[in-house]
C-alpha atoms as a PDB file:
ATOM      1  CA  MET A   1     297.251 227.779-102.141  1.00  0.00           C
ATOM      2  CA  HIS A   2     297.992 224.789 -99.884  1.00  0.00           C
ATOM      3  CA  ARG A   3     296.582 221.419-100.804  1.00  0.00           C
ATOM      4  CA  PRO A   4     296.750 218.110 -98.909  1.00  0.00           C
ATOM      5  CA  VAL A   5     299.995 216.123 -98.870  1.00  0.00           C
ATOM      6  CA  VAL A   6     300.141 212.321 -98.921  1.00  0.00           C
ATOM      7  CA  VAL A   7     303.444 210.581 -98.209  1.00  0.00           C
ATOM      8  CA  VAL A   8     303.456 206.965 -99.416  1.00  0.00           C
ATOM      9  CA  THR A   9     306.112 204.595 -98.131  1.00  0.00           C
ATOM     10  CA  GLY A  10     306.374 200.911 -97.297  1.00  0.00           C
ATOM     11  CA  MET A  11     307.905 197.580 -98.145  1.00  0.00           C
ATOM     12  CA  SER A  12     309.383 196.999-101.593  1.00  0.00           C
ATOM     13  CA  GLY A  13     306.892 194.934-103.567  1.00  0.00           C
ATOM     14  CA  ALA A  14     303.904 195.949-101.431  1.00  0.00           C
ATOM     15  CA  GLY A  15     302.387 198.338-103.986  1.00  0.00           C
ATOM     16  CA  LYS A  16     303.799 201.816-103.377  1.00  0.00           C
ATOM     17  CA  LEU A  17     304.058 202.626-107.081  1.00  0.00           C
ATOM     18  CA  SER A  18     300.529 201.344-107.683  1.00  0.00           C
ATOM     19  CA  ALA A  19     299.232 203.608-104.910  1.00  0.00           C
ATOM     20  CA  LEU A  20     301.061 206.600-106.381  1.00  0.00           C
ATOM     21  CA  ARG A  21     299.569 205.903-109.823  1.00  0.00           C
ATOM     22  CA  VAL A  22     296.069 205.858-108.334  1.00  0.00           C
ATOM     23  CA  LEU A  23     296.711 209.157-106.550  1.00  0.00           C
ATOM     24  CA  GLU A  24     298.029 210.631-109.799  1.00  0.00           C
ATOM     25  CA  ASP A  25     294.826 209.532-111.543  1.00  0.00           C
ATOM     26  CA  LEU A  26     292.883 211.314-108.797  1.00  0.00           C
ATOM     27  CA  GLY A  27     294.619 214.591-109.618  1.00  0.00           C
ATOM     28  CA  HIS A  28     297.579 214.526-107.250  1.00  0.00           C
ATOM     29  CA  GLU A  29     300.949 215.824-108.332  1.00  0.00           C
ATOM     30  CA  THR A  30     303.241 212.867-107.655  1.00  0.00           C
ATOM     31  CA  VAL A  31     306.958 212.904-106.838  1.00  0.00           C
ATOM     32  CA  ASP A  32     308.725 209.591-106.298  1.00  0.00           C
ATOM     33  CA  ASN A  33     311.803 209.329-104.089  1.00  0.00           C
ATOM     34  CA  PRO A  34     312.919 212.969-103.829  1.00  0.00           C
ATOM     35  CA  PRO A  35     316.030 213.543-101.673  1.00  0.00           C
ATOM     36  CA  LEU A  36     315.175 214.067 -98.015  1.00  0.00           C
ATOM     37  CA  THR A  37     316.885 217.465 -98.190  1.00  0.00           C
ATOM     38  CA  VAL A  38     314.137 218.870-100.443  1.00  0.00           C
ATOM     39  CA  LEU A  39     311.189 217.192 -98.728  1.00  0.00           C
ATOM     40  CA  ALA A  40     310.312 220.102 -96.431  1.00  0.00           C
ATOM     41  CA  GLU A  41     310.396 222.545 -99.343  1.00  0.00           C
ATOM     42  CA  LEU A  42     308.166 220.271-101.421  1.00  0.00           C
ATOM     43  CA  MET A  43     305.550 219.910 -98.702  1.00  0.00           C
ATOM     44  CA  ALA A  44     305.552 223.516 -97.492  1.00  0.00           C
ATOM     45  CA  GLY A  45     305.366 225.279-100.846  1.00  0.00           C
ATOM     46  CA  PRO A  46     302.142 226.628-102.406  1.00  0.00           C
ATOM     47  CA  ARG A  47     300.514 224.417-105.023  1.00  0.00           C
ATOM     48  CA  GLU A  48     297.295 224.175-106.971  1.00  0.00           C
ATOM     49  CA  ARG A  49     296.976 220.390-106.729  1.00  0.00           C
ATOM     50  CA  PRO A  50     297.226 217.875-103.868  1.00  0.00           C
ATOM     51  CA  LEU A  51     300.712 216.394-103.562  1.00  0.00           C
ATOM     52  CA  ALA A  52     301.660 212.711-103.255  1.00  0.00           C
ATOM     53  CA  ILE A  53     305.273 211.867-102.395  1.00  0.00           C
ATOM     54  CA  GLY A  54     306.765 208.387-102.579  1.00  0.00           C
ATOM     55  CA  MET A  55     309.531 207.629-100.095  1.00  0.00           C
ATOM     56  CA  ASP A  56     311.307 204.333 -99.478  1.00  0.00           C
ATOM     57  CA  THR A  57     314.702 202.860 -98.711  1.00  0.00           C
ATOM     58  CA  ARG A  58     315.904 203.682-102.238  1.00  0.00           C
ATOM     59  CA  THR A  59     315.614 207.403-101.461  1.00  0.00           C
ATOM     60  CA  ARG A  60     318.998 209.138-101.337  1.00  0.00           C
ATOM     61  CA  GLY A  61     319.999 209.638 -97.706  1.00  0.00           C
ATOM     62  CA  PHE A  62     316.934 207.747 -96.482  1.00  0.00           C
ATOM     63  CA  ASP A  63     316.471 207.880 -92.732  1.00  0.00           C
ATOM     64  CA  ALA A  64     313.159 206.989 -91.083  1.00  0.00           C
ATOM     65  CA  ALA A  65     313.799 209.186 -88.041  1.00  0.00           C
ATOM     66  CA  ALA A  66     314.653 212.187 -90.227  1.00  0.00           C
ATOM     67  CA  LEU A  67     311.502 211.684 -92.300  1.00  0.00           C
ATOM     68  CA  LEU A  68     309.329 211.512 -89.187  1.00  0.00           C
ATOM     69  CA  ALA A  69     311.033 214.600 -87.773  1.00  0.00           C
ATOM     70  CA  GLY A  70     310.319 216.483 -90.995  1.00  0.00           C
ATOM     71  CA  LEU A  71     306.645 215.492 -90.956  1.00  0.00           C
ATOM     72  CA  GLY A  72     306.389 216.465 -87.295  1.00  0.00           C
ATOM     73  CA  ALA A  73     307.963 219.854 -87.943  1.00  0.00           C
ATOM     74  CA  LEU A  74     305.506 220.565 -90.744  1.00  0.00           C
ATOM     75  CA  ARG A  75     302.581 219.672 -88.509  1.00  0.00           C
ATOM     76  CA  ALA A  76     303.974 221.848 -85.713  1.00  0.00           C
ATOM     77  CA  ARG A  77     304.163 224.855 -88.052  1.00  0.00           C
ATOM     78  CA  GLY A  78     300.481 224.482 -88.818  1.00  0.00           C
ATOM     79  CA  GLY A  79     300.977 223.937 -92.530  1.00  0.00           C
ATOM     80  CA  SER A  80     299.394 221.233 -94.650  1.00  0.00           C
ATOM     81  CA  LEU A  81     298.993 218.154 -92.485  1.00  0.00           C
ATOM     82  CA  PRO A  82     300.662 215.295 -94.367  1.00  0.00           C
ATOM     83  CA  ASP A  83     299.117 211.834 -94.296  1.00  0.00           C
ATOM     84  CA  LEU A  84     301.622 208.999 -93.953  1.00  0.00           C
ATOM     85  CA  VAL A  85     300.498 205.876 -95.833  1.00  0.00           C
ATOM     86  CA  PHE A  86     302.443 202.643 -95.334  1.00  0.00           C
ATOM     87  CA  MET A  87     302.164 199.867 -97.929  1.00  0.00           C
ATOM     88  CA  ASP A  88     302.727 196.437 -96.396  1.00  0.00           C
ATOM     89  CA  ALA A  89     302.334 192.743 -97.179  1.00  0.00           C
ATOM     90  CA  GLU A  90     303.088 189.450 -95.494  1.00  0.00           C
ATOM     91  CA  GLU A  91     306.607 188.111 -95.959  1.00  0.00           C
ATOM     92  CA  ASP A  92     305.559 185.065 -97.977  1.00  0.00           C
ATOM     93  CA  VAL A  93     303.594 187.312-100.344  1.00  0.00           C
ATOM     94  CA  LEU A  94     306.579 189.618-100.852  1.00  0.00           C
ATOM     95  CA  LEU A  95     308.797 186.587-101.501  1.00  0.00           C
ATOM     96  CA  ARG A  96     306.348 185.284-104.097  1.00  0.00           C
ATOM     97  CA  ARG A  97     306.132 188.644-105.847  1.00  0.00           C
ATOM     98  CA  TYR A  98     309.912 188.895-106.068  1.00  0.00           C
ATOM     99  CA  SER A  99     310.080 185.330-107.340  1.00  0.00           C
ATOM    100  CA  GLU A 100     307.546 186.112-110.064  1.00  0.00           C
ATOM    101  CA  THR A 101     309.403 189.223-111.236  1.00  0.00           C
ATOM    102  CA  ARG A 102     312.867 187.685-110.740  1.00  0.00           C
ATOM    103  CA  ARG A 103     314.104 190.986-109.394  1.00  0.00           C
ATOM    104  CA  ARG A 104     316.756 191.381-106.721  1.00  0.00           C
ATOM    105  CA  HIS A 105     315.668 193.028-103.479  1.00  0.00           C
ATOM    106  CA  PRO A 106     317.322 196.481-103.216  1.00  0.00           C
ATOM    107  CA  LEU A 107     318.509 195.806 -99.652  1.00  0.00           C
ATOM    108  CA  ALA A 108     319.616 192.204-100.078  1.00  0.00           C
ATOM    109  CA  PRO A 109     323.364 191.998 -99.336  1.00  0.00           C
ATOM    110  CA  ALA A 110     325.561 190.487-102.031  1.00  0.00           C
ATOM    111  CA  GLY A 111     325.338 186.723-101.980  1.00  0.00           C
ATOM    112  CA  SER A 112     322.161 186.644 -99.863  1.00  0.00           C
ATOM    113  CA  GLY A 113     318.538 186.026-100.755  1.00  0.00           C
ATOM    114  CA  VAL A 114     315.401 188.125-100.978  1.00  0.00           C
ATOM    115  CA  ALA A 115     314.313 187.113 -97.463  1.00  0.00           C
ATOM    116  CA  ASP A 116     317.369 188.832 -95.984  1.00  0.00           C
ATOM    117  CA  GLY A 117     316.547 192.025 -97.858  1.00  0.00           C
ATOM    118  CA  ILE A 118     312.930 191.924 -96.676  1.00  0.00           C
ATOM    119  CA  ALA A 119     313.994 191.460 -93.052  1.00  0.00           C
ATOM    120  CA  ARG A 120     316.471 194.330 -93.258  1.00  0.00           C
ATOM    121  CA  GLU A 121     313.930 196.636 -94.882  1.00  0.00           C
ATOM    122  CA  ALA A 122     311.234 195.773 -92.324  1.00  0.00           C
ATOM    123  CA  GLU A 123     313.627 196.741 -89.536  1.00  0.00           C
ATOM    124  CA  LEU A 124     314.516 200.056 -91.200  1.00  0.00           C
ATOM    125  CA  LEU A 125     310.888 200.944 -91.883  1.00  0.00           C
ATOM    126  CA  ALA A 126     309.402 199.839 -88.543  1.00  0.00           C
ATOM    127  CA  PRO A 127     309.246 203.418 -87.143  1.00  0.00           C
ATOM    128  CA  LEU A 128     307.322 204.587 -90.222  1.00  0.00           C
ATOM    129  CA  ARG A 129     304.866 201.712 -90.008  1.00  0.00           C
ATOM    130  CA  ASP A 130     304.243 202.465 -86.334  1.00  0.00           C
ATOM    131  CA  ALA A 131     303.654 206.159 -87.072  1.00  0.00           C
ATOM    132  CA  ALA A 132     301.558 205.703 -90.228  1.00  0.00           C
ATOM    133  CA  ASP A 133     298.099 207.251 -90.470  1.00  0.00           C
ATOM    134  CA  TRP A 134     297.028 204.383 -92.716  1.00  0.00           C
ATOM    135  CA  VAL A 135     298.587 200.928 -93.151  1.00  0.00           C
ATOM    136  CA  ILE A 136     297.440 199.108 -96.304  1.00  0.00           C
ATOM    137  CA  ASP A 137     298.067 195.360 -96.264  1.00  0.00           C
ATOM    138  CA  THR A 138     298.068 194.250 -99.906  1.00  0.00           C
ATOM    139  CA  SER A 139     298.671 190.545 -99.183  1.00  0.00           C
ATOM    140  CA  GLY A 140     295.296 189.458-100.540  1.00  0.00           C
ATOM    141  CA  LEU A 141     294.209 192.723-102.106  1.00  0.00           C
ATOM    142  CA  PRO A 142     293.522 192.830-105.855  1.00  0.00           C
ATOM    143  CA  LEU A 143     294.601 196.016-107.637  1.00  0.00           C
ATOM    144  CA  PRO A 144     291.003 197.153-108.379  1.00  0.00           C
ATOM    145  CA  GLU A 145     290.247 196.978-104.653  1.00  0.00           C
ATOM    146  CA  LEU A 146     293.382 198.942-103.793  1.00  0.00           C
ATOM    147  CA  ARG A 147     292.253 201.598-106.254  1.00  0.00           C
ATOM    148  CA  ARG A 148     288.772 201.704-104.759  1.00  0.00           C
ATOM    149  CA  MET A 149     290.119 202.036-101.212  1.00  0.00           C
ATOM    150  CA  ILE A 150     292.385 204.934-102.162  1.00  0.00           C
ATOM    151  CA  GLU A 151     289.597 206.609-104.120  1.00  0.00           C
ATOM    152  CA  HIS A 152     287.351 206.312-101.070  1.00  0.00           C
ATOM    153  CA  ARG A 153     289.967 208.030 -98.884  1.00  0.00           C
ATOM    154  CA  TYR A 154     291.259 210.696-101.258  1.00  0.00           C
ATOM    155  CA  GLY A 155     288.877 210.902-104.184  1.00  0.00           C
ATOM    156  CA  ARG A 156     286.686 213.723-102.942  1.00  0.00           C
ATOM    157  CA  ALA A 157     288.461 217.043-102.595  1.00  0.00           C
ATOM    158  CA  GLY A 158     287.638 219.043 -99.522  1.00  0.00           C
ATOM    159  CA  ARG A 159     286.697 216.075 -97.354  1.00  0.00           C
ATOM    160  CA  SER A 160     286.713 217.339 -93.776  1.00  0.00           C
ATOM    161  CA  ARG A 161     285.368 214.420 -91.771  1.00  0.00           C
ATOM    162  CA  MET A 162     287.373 211.459 -90.556  1.00  0.00           C
ATOM    163  CA  SER A 163     286.719 208.313 -92.601  1.00  0.00           C
ATOM    164  CA  VAL A 164     285.642 205.230 -90.666  1.00  0.00           C
ATOM    165  CA  ALA A 165     286.154 201.647 -91.802  1.00  0.00           C
ATOM    166  CA  VAL A 166     284.169 198.912 -90.058  1.00  0.00           C
ATOM    167  CA  MET A 167     285.248 195.352 -90.721  1.00  0.00           C
ATOM    168  CA  SER A 168     284.321 191.839 -89.641  1.00  0.00           C
ATOM    169  CA  PHE A 169     286.891 189.067 -89.434  1.00  0.00           C
ATOM    170  CA  GLY A 170     287.520 185.536 -88.160  1.00  0.00           C
ATOM    171  CA  TYR A 171     290.220 184.899 -85.574  1.00  0.00           C
ATOM    172  CA  PRO A 172     291.691 181.788 -87.278  1.00  0.00           C
ATOM    173  CA  ARG A 173     293.082 184.035 -90.056  1.00  0.00           C
ATOM    174  CA  GLY A 174     294.585 186.416 -87.534  1.00  0.00           C
ATOM    175  CA  LEU A 175     293.914 189.955 -86.390  1.00  0.00           C
ATOM    176  CA  PRO A 176     293.565 192.555 -89.172  1.00  0.00           C
ATOM    177  CA  ARG A 177     296.799 194.490 -89.128  1.00  0.00           C
ATOM    178  CA  GLU A 178     295.135 197.755 -90.129  1.00  0.00           C
ATOM    179  CA  ALA A 179     292.712 197.779 -87.155  1.00  0.00           C
ATOM    180  CA  ASP A 180     292.796 200.639 -84.646  1.00  0.00           C
ATOM    181  CA  LEU A 181     290.142 199.121 -82.366  1.00  0.00           C
ATOM    182  CA  VAL A 182     289.303 195.409 -82.055  1.00  0.00           C
ATOM    183  CA  LEU A 183     286.201 193.949 -80.397  1.00  0.00           C
ATOM    184  CA  ASP A 184     285.789 190.218 -79.695  1.00  0.00           C
ATOM    185  CA  LEU A 185     282.256 188.839 -80.172  1.00  0.00           C
ATOM    186  CA  ARG A 186     282.995 185.192 -79.422  1.00  0.00           C
ATOM    187  CA  PHE A 187     281.062 185.404 -76.141  1.00  0.00           C
ATOM    188  CA  LEU A 188     277.770 185.551 -78.080  1.00  0.00           C
ATOM    189  CA  ARG A 189     276.035 182.305 -78.986  1.00  0.00           C
ATOM    190  CA  ASN A 190     277.244 180.904 -82.273  1.00  0.00           C
ATOM    191  CA  PRO A 191     274.819 180.293 -85.186  1.00  0.00           C
ATOM    192  CA  HIS A 192     277.396 177.887 -86.626  1.00  0.00           C
ATOM    193  CA  TYR A 193     276.035 175.164 -84.346  1.00  0.00           C
ATOM    194  CA  ASP A 194     272.518 175.473 -85.783  1.00  0.00           C
ATOM    195  CA  PRO A 195     272.499 173.367 -88.994  1.00  0.00           C
ATOM    196  CA  ALA A 196     269.835 175.611 -90.540  1.00  0.00           C
ATOM    197  CA  LEU A 197     271.865 178.771 -89.925  1.00  0.00           C
ATOM    198  CA  ARG A 198     275.364 177.468 -90.597  1.00  0.00           C
ATOM    199  CA  PRO A 199     275.361 178.142 -94.378  1.00  0.00           C
ATOM    200  CA  LEU A 200     273.935 181.651 -93.873  1.00  0.00           C
ATOM    201  CA  THR A 201     275.739 184.821 -92.765  1.00  0.00           C
ATOM    202  CA  GLY A 202     275.143 187.711 -90.411  1.00  0.00           C
ATOM    203  CA  ARG A 203     273.557 189.571 -93.310  1.00  0.00           C
ATOM    204  CA  ASP A 204     270.604 187.146 -93.259  1.00  0.00           C
ATOM    205  CA  ALA A 205     267.550 187.991 -91.146  1.00  0.00           C
ATOM    206  CA  ALA A 206     267.354 184.553 -89.526  1.00  0.00           C
ATOM    207  CA  VAL A 207     270.932 184.773 -88.293  1.00  0.00           C
ATOM    208  CA  ALA A 208     270.426 188.343 -87.067  1.00  0.00           C
ATOM    209  CA  ALA A 209     267.335 187.304 -85.106  1.00  0.00           C
ATOM    210  CA  TYR A 210     269.181 184.339 -83.573  1.00  0.00           C
ATOM    211  CA  ILE A 211     272.077 186.505 -82.376  1.00  0.00           C
ATOM    212  CA  GLU A 212     269.927 189.383 -81.161  1.00  0.00           C
ATOM    213  CA  GLU A 213     267.834 186.962 -79.069  1.00  0.00           C
ATOM    214  CA  ASP A 214     270.953 186.220 -77.017  1.00  0.00           C
ATOM    215  CA  ALA A 215     270.568 187.899 -73.620  1.00  0.00           C
ATOM    216  CA  GLU A 216     274.129 189.221 -73.934  1.00  0.00           C
ATOM    217  CA  TRP A 217     273.524 191.066 -77.209  1.00  0.00           C
ATOM    218  CA  ALA A 218     271.528 194.096 -75.993  1.00  0.00           C
ATOM    219  CA  PRO A 219     273.845 195.044 -73.097  1.00  0.00           C
ATOM    220  CA  PHE A 220     276.881 194.508 -75.330  1.00  0.00           C
ATOM    221  CA  TRP A 221     275.438 196.769 -78.014  1.00  0.00           C
ATOM    222  CA  ARG A 222     274.567 199.504 -75.497  1.00  0.00           C
ATOM    223  CA  ARG A 223     278.035 199.475 -73.962  1.00  0.00           C
ATOM    224  CA  MET A 224     279.870 199.287 -77.267  1.00  0.00           C
ATOM    225  CA  THR A 225     277.996 202.214 -78.810  1.00  0.00           C
ATOM    226  CA  ALA A 226     278.293 204.207 -75.567  1.00  0.00           C
ATOM    227  CA  LEU A 227     282.057 203.769 -75.906  1.00  0.00           C
ATOM    228  CA  LEU A 228     282.388 204.384 -79.641  1.00  0.00           C
ATOM    229  CA  ASP A 229     279.906 207.228 -80.190  1.00  0.00           C
ATOM    230  CA  PRO A 230     281.985 209.807 -78.265  1.00  0.00           C
ATOM    231  CA  LEU A 231     285.307 208.269 -79.313  1.00  0.00           C
ATOM    232  CA  LEU A 232     284.873 209.047 -83.019  1.00  0.00           C
ATOM    233  CA  PRO A 233     284.610 212.844 -82.650  1.00  0.00           C
ATOM    234  CA  ALA A 234     287.443 212.726 -80.104  1.00  0.00           C
ATOM    235  CA  TYR A 235     289.702 210.917 -82.581  1.00  0.00           C
ATOM    236  CA  GLU A 236     288.722 213.388 -85.303  1.00  0.00           C
ATOM    237  CA  ALA A 237     289.428 216.360 -83.027  1.00  0.00           C
ATOM    238  CA  GLY A 238     292.850 214.870 -82.355  1.00  0.00           C
ATOM    239  CA  GLY A 239     293.664 215.002 -86.070  1.00  0.00           C
ATOM    240  CA  LYS A 240     293.026 211.383 -87.020  1.00  0.00           C
ATOM    241  CA  LYS A 241     291.961 211.052 -90.656  1.00  0.00           C
ATOM    242  CA  TYR A 242     291.005 207.351 -90.727  1.00  0.00           C
ATOM    243  CA  LEU A 243     289.756 204.941 -88.101  1.00  0.00           C
ATOM    244  CA  THR A 244     289.328 201.199 -88.543  1.00  0.00           C
ATOM    245  CA  VAL A 245     287.052 199.324 -86.130  1.00  0.00           C
ATOM    246  CA  ALA A 246     287.337 195.531 -86.410  1.00  0.00           C
ATOM    247  CA  LEU A 247     284.853 193.056 -84.955  1.00  0.00           C
ATOM    248  CA  GLY A 248     285.874 189.421 -84.725  1.00  0.00           C
ATOM    249  CA  CYS A 249     284.293 186.051 -84.082  1.00  0.00           C
ATOM    250  CA  THR A 250     285.301 182.435 -84.617  1.00  0.00           C
ATOM    251  CA  GLY A 251     284.553 182.125 -88.318  1.00  0.00           C
ATOM    252  CA  GLY A 252     283.984 185.734 -89.324  1.00  0.00           C
ATOM    253  CA  LYS A 253     280.659 184.915 -90.994  1.00  0.00           C
ATOM    254  CA  HIS A 254     277.885 185.352 -88.431  1.00  0.00           C
ATOM    255  CA  ARG A 255     278.301 187.337 -85.190  1.00  0.00           C
ATOM    256  CA  SER A 256     280.985 189.742 -86.353  1.00  0.00           C
ATOM    257  CA  VAL A 257     279.197 190.301 -89.671  1.00  0.00           C
ATOM    258  CA  LEU A 258     275.944 191.267 -87.967  1.00  0.00           C
ATOM    259  CA  ALA A 259     277.705 193.625 -85.554  1.00  0.00           C
ATOM    260  CA  ALA A 260     279.684 195.244 -88.387  1.00  0.00           C
ATOM    261  CA  GLU A 261     276.489 195.720 -90.410  1.00  0.00           C
ATOM    262  CA  ARG A 262     274.708 197.367 -87.491  1.00  0.00           C
ATOM    263  CA  LEU A 263     277.673 199.515 -86.471  1.00  0.00           C
ATOM    264  CA  SER A 264     278.476 200.773 -89.968  1.00  0.00           C
ATOM    265  CA  ALA A 265     274.827 201.740 -90.494  1.00  0.00           C
ATOM    266  CA  ARG A 266     274.858 203.607 -87.175  1.00  0.00           C
ATOM    267  CA  PHE A 267     278.024 205.518 -88.064  1.00  0.00           C
ATOM    268  CA  ALA A 268     276.710 206.379 -91.536  1.00  0.00           C
ATOM    269  CA  LYS A 269     273.463 207.685 -90.066  1.00  0.00           C
ATOM    270  CA  ALA A 270     275.526 209.908 -87.760  1.00  0.00           C
ATOM    271  CA  GLY A 271     277.167 211.448 -90.837  1.00  0.00           C
ATOM    272  CA  TRP A 272     280.529 209.692 -90.902  1.00  0.00           C
ATOM    273  CA  PRO A 273     282.041 208.605 -94.239  1.00  0.00           C
ATOM    274  CA  VAL A 274     281.912 204.827 -93.759  1.00  0.00           C
ATOM    275  CA  GLU A 275     283.331 201.815 -95.539  1.00  0.00           C
ATOM    276  CA  LEU A 276     282.154 198.323 -94.560  1.00  0.00           C
ATOM    277  CA  PHE A 277     284.369 195.301 -95.175  1.00  0.00           C
ATOM    278  CA  HIS A 278     283.569 191.660 -94.402  1.00  0.00           C
ATOM    279  CA  ARG A 279     287.005 190.076 -94.694  1.00  0.00           C
ATOM    280  CA  GLU A 280     285.996 186.412 -94.662  1.00  0.00           C
ATOM    281  CA  LEU A 281     283.086 187.032 -97.052  1.00  0.00           C
ATOM    282  CA  SER A 282     285.183 189.181 -99.421  1.00  0.00           C
ATOM    283  CA  ILE A 283     282.500 191.871 -99.463  1.00  0.00           C
ATOM    284  CA  ARG A 284     283.162 195.603 -99.335  1.00  0.00           C
ATOM    285  CA  GLU A 285     280.644 198.475 -99.381  1.00  0.00           C
ATOM    286  CA  ALA A 286     280.877 202.235 -99.068  1.00  0.00           C
ATOM    287  CA  PHE A 287     278.064 204.367 -97.643  1.00  0.00           C
ATOM    288  CA  PRO A 288     277.363 207.760 -99.249  1.00  0.00           C
ATOM    289  CA  GLU A 289     278.387 210.650 -97.008  1.00  0.00           C
ATOM    290  CA  ASP A 290     275.402 212.863 -97.783  1.00  0.00           C
ATOM    291  CA  ASP A 291     272.700 210.270 -97.081  1.00  0.00           C
ATOM    292  CA  SER A 292     271.541 209.515 -93.556  1.00  0.00           C
ATOM    293  CA  GLN A 293     269.748 206.372 -94.626  1.00  0.00           C
ATOM    294  CA  ARG A 294     271.588 203.278 -95.701  1.00  0.00           C
ATOM    295  CA  PRO A 295     271.058 202.493 -99.399  1.00  0.00           C
ATOM    296  CA  PRO A 296     270.026 199.070-100.647  1.00  0.00           C
ATOM    297  CA  PRO A 297     273.136 196.884-100.441  1.00  0.00           C
ATOM    298  CA  HIS A 298     275.111 196.265-103.605  1.00  0.00           C
ATOM    299  CA  PRO A 299     277.934 194.075-102.330  1.00  0.00           C
ATOM    300  CA  ILE A 300     281.177 193.876-104.257  1.00  0.00           C
ATOM    301  CA  SER A 301     282.533 190.348-104.429  1.00  0.00           C
ATOM    302  CA  ILE A 302     286.309 190.287-104.487  1.00  0.00           C
ATOM    303  CA  GLN A 303     287.883 187.490-106.479  1.00  0.00           C
ATOM    304  CA  ARG A 304     291.202 186.724-104.836  1.00  0.00           C
ATOM    305  CA  ALA A 305     294.074 185.184-106.724  1.00  0.00           C
END
């Protein structure tokens, strides 16, 4: 019997081993750093459990192009479709993690520092990051949240529908690196300039009413949903397993939050497995797949180190 295959790779220090442990807890058979020569046999063989394979620059004979060619060949044969997960983090975060553990970077040349090893590894792994089905940026991600994200993606056996993540963000902190689609809401009027609304968020009724009274809101919503509604099944038909839609505004607390709330509820009602994430509010919610009505919100507050 063939079961799903997950290939986990990424930057050293970004959490690959943690991701593999979570997958193992979810019932996956895990193999860390097998030689590339046995990879095709591992992925193509019959198995009773889902398989998770860890691959990184420590793998004997590691070659990003060869790994991608192997995954492509497996897909072409119509076997189990492997998901490629790339664990990433910002350079300063990786430097801090290495400093805390006092470990030497595996690719740092003799006599050089960790930063040189990180730069070399990023260059080697760039093709895998570009081809990944899912990029997980662990820069500000606590381990319990990483576990919850992986459980949401892989925790229910037999999942057939594409998972959709909808997130709000603020532009000053940069674009979310995991986003597939990005929409800019800064053209809408900003509740920040109303002293009564400034301390509130897009989850509050007063802020929602203020934004939705903007003459630009209704045509924007019609056009956005007219674009996205047919795109989701098209992405799924093309084999995409996960889609992240990011909506941004100046502060990431009002306009983008409201739009993300409305859009995630719309997707959930249409039957998509949906996860909602407000980056600047540190709130994450998952909508049940078998319920067409949104449940009462129980936000999860993420305490960042």
